[in-house]
Amino acid sequence: MEEILQDIIRVRAGDSQAFDRLVAKYDALLRSMAKRHSDMCGGSSQQTDDFLQEGKMAFYNSVITYREDSGITFGAYAKVCIRNRLISCVRALNSKKR
C-alpha cells in the first residue's frame, strides 16, 4: 500500500513512469471493467479498446483526486471512479442508438 501511495505522489509531481507502474498494477481491473461495460453495448474489440482508454482516463483522475485521509483504499476509490465513467459511456452510447 505504501508503494502505491508513493507512486500516487510521484504521478501528481509529473512522473509518467509512476503512472505506468500504477496502470500495470491495476491492469486486470481496468481490462475486466472495460470488457464488462463494452459487452453492455455490443462488445466489439474496438469498443473494448475505447472503454479501456476511458477507464485509463478515469484511473488517472482517481490518482489525482484521491485523498489519503479519506478512510478508503485507493483501489476501492479507483474502482468506483472507473465504474462511474464507464457507466456514463454506456449511457451515452445507448442514447445514441435510440
Protein backbone atom coordinates (compact mmCIF):
# COMPACT_ATOMS: atom_id res chain seq x y z
CA MET A 1 0.00 0.00 0.00
CA GLU A 2 2.85 2.36 0.83
CA GLU A 3 4.36 1.75 -2.61
CA ILE A 4 1.06 2.72 -4.25
CA LEU A 5 0.83 5.91 -2.22
CA GLN A 6 4.40 6.82 -3.19
CA ASP A 7 3.55 6.30 -6.87
CA ILE A 8 0.44 8.47 -6.46
CA ILE A 9 2.58 11.27 -5.06
CA ARG A 10 5.05 10.86 -7.94
CA VAL A 11 2.26 10.99 -10.55
CA ARG A 12 0.98 14.22 -9.04
CA ALA A 13 4.51 15.59 -9.41
CA GLY A 14 4.50 14.70 -13.11
CA ASP A 15 6.23 11.30 -13.12
CA SER A 16 4.74 9.38 -16.05
CA GLN A 17 6.68 6.22 -15.17
CA ALA A 18 4.92 6.14 -11.80
CA PHE A 19 1.59 6.29 -13.62
CA ASP A 20 2.70 3.43 -15.87
CA ARG A 21 3.54 1.37 -12.76
CA LEU A 22 0.11 2.07 -11.28
CA VAL A 23 -1.62 1.14 -14.54
CA ALA A 24 0.36 -2.11 -14.62
CA LYS A 25 -0.75 -2.93 -11.06
CA TYR A 26 -4.40 -2.26 -11.87
CA ASP A 27 -4.35 -3.55 -15.46
CA ALA A 28 -6.52 -6.59 -14.73
CA LEU A 29 -9.16 -4.39 -13.08
CA LEU A 30 -9.12 -1.91 -15.96
CA ARG A 31 -9.41 -4.64 -18.59
CA SER A 32 -12.17 -6.57 -16.85
CA MET A 33 -14.24 -3.45 -16.26
CA ALA A 34 -13.74 -2.28 -19.86
CA LYS A 35 -14.79 -5.69 -21.18
CA ARG A 36 -17.83 -5.89 -18.90
CA HIS A 37 -19.11 -2.45 -19.87
CA SER A 38 -18.28 -2.93 -23.54
CA ASP A 39 -20.35 -6.11 -23.55
CA MET A 40 -23.34 -4.00 -22.48
CA CYS A 41 -23.09 -2.15 -25.82
CA GLY A 42 -22.31 -4.95 -28.24
CA GLY A 43 -18.77 -5.81 -27.22
CA SER A 44 -16.64 -5.30 -30.36
CA SER A 45 -12.89 -5.32 -29.81
CA GLN A 46 -12.66 -1.69 -30.97
CA GLN A 47 -15.32 -0.72 -28.45
CA THR A 48 -13.50 -2.61 -25.69
CA ASP A 49 -10.35 -0.63 -26.55
CA ASP A 50 -12.33 2.60 -26.37
CA PHE A 51 -13.72 1.63 -22.98
CA LEU A 52 -10.21 0.72 -21.81
CA GLN A 53 -8.99 4.20 -22.78
CA GLU A 54 -11.92 5.79 -20.97
CA GLY A 55 -11.09 3.62 -17.96
CA LYS A 56 -7.47 4.77 -18.00
CA MET A 57 -8.56 8.41 -18.10
CA ALA A 58 -10.85 7.79 -15.13
CA PHE A 59 -7.99 5.97 -13.40
CA TYR A 60 -5.72 8.98 -13.92
CA ASN A 61 -8.38 11.27 -12.47
CA SER A 62 -8.70 8.95 -9.49
CA VAL A 63 -4.94 9.21 -8.89
CA ILE A 64 -5.13 13.00 -8.96
CA THR A 65 -8.24 13.32 -6.76
CA TYR A 66 -7.57 10.54 -4.22
CA ARG A 67 -7.28 11.74 -0.64
CA GLU A 68 -5.13 9.57 1.58
CA ASP A 69 -7.04 10.66 4.68
CA SER A 70 -10.45 9.66 3.27
CA GLY A 71 -10.53 6.29 5.03
CA ILE A 72 -10.99 4.36 1.78
CA THR A 73 -8.30 2.42 -0.04
CA PHE A 74 -7.04 3.72 -3.33
CA GLY A 75 -8.11 0.55 -5.13
CA ALA A 76 -11.71 0.90 -3.97
CA TYR A 77 -11.75 4.59 -4.84
CA ALA A 78 -10.29 3.97 -8.30
CA LYS A 79 -12.79 1.18 -8.98
CA VAL A 80 -15.73 3.46 -8.19
CA CYS A 81 -14.32 6.27 -10.36
CA ILE A 82 -13.72 3.91 -13.28
CA ARG A 83 -17.14 2.30 -12.94
CA ASN A 84 -18.91 5.67 -12.89
CA ARG A 85 -17.05 6.84 -16.01
CA LEU A 86 -17.78 3.63 -17.91
CA ILE A 87 -21.46 3.71 -16.93
CA SER A 88 -21.62 7.24 -18.34
CA CYS A 89 -20.11 5.94 -21.59
CA VAL A 90 -22.64 3.10 -21.76
CA ARG A 91 -25.48 5.55 -21.23
CA ALA A 92 -24.15 7.88 -23.92
CA LEU A 93 -23.81 5.04 -26.43
CA ASN A 94 -27.24 3.68 -25.65
CA SER A 95 -28.85 7.09 -26.03
CA LYS A 96 -27.25 7.48 -29.46
CA LYS A 97 -28.76 4.15 -30.52
CA ARG A 98 -32.25 5.40 -29.76
